[in-house]
Amino acid sequence: MSKFRHLDVEIAVPPRAVVNFAGDPVNLPRWAAGLAAGIENDGGRWLARSPMGAVEVRFVGDASSGILDHEVVLPRGEAVLNQFRILQDGEYSLAVFHLCRAPGVTDEAFAADAAAVQGDLETLREILEGRVL
């Protein structure tokens, strides 16, 4: 299996609306299941409760260009870069997540990660298209 997978979903709203919502850390628990336990701003650092423990989430991309790349600093201090782009697709948006397979991750675990990310993207679409409040 490849080291990378691109997961995407078309969202029937303009890119700016997607960037404004998805790029606001306060909204992450609404659509990113791994952060559903909550997130809080602690002196300018966004700290979230996740299944693996407390993590820090740092947006590092140029949101004005639709780049919502973010680093997740794991409990043991390792930073993982998640590449996430919001692209113009006519009147709509295409949200694209570049999933990188970490060393030692099994095919089954990578497939499960991909399914989880795809589910998060679907939830994001449902919220932004008004299907979930």
Foldseek 3Di string as FASTA:
>chain_A
DDQKDKAKDKAQAFLVLLLVQVLPLQNCLQQQVQQVVGWDQDPNWIWGQGPQGIWTKAQDDDSVQQWRWIWIQGPVGDTDIKTWGWDGDPRIIMIMTMDGHDPPQDPVNSVVVSVSVNRSNVSSRCVNNVVDD
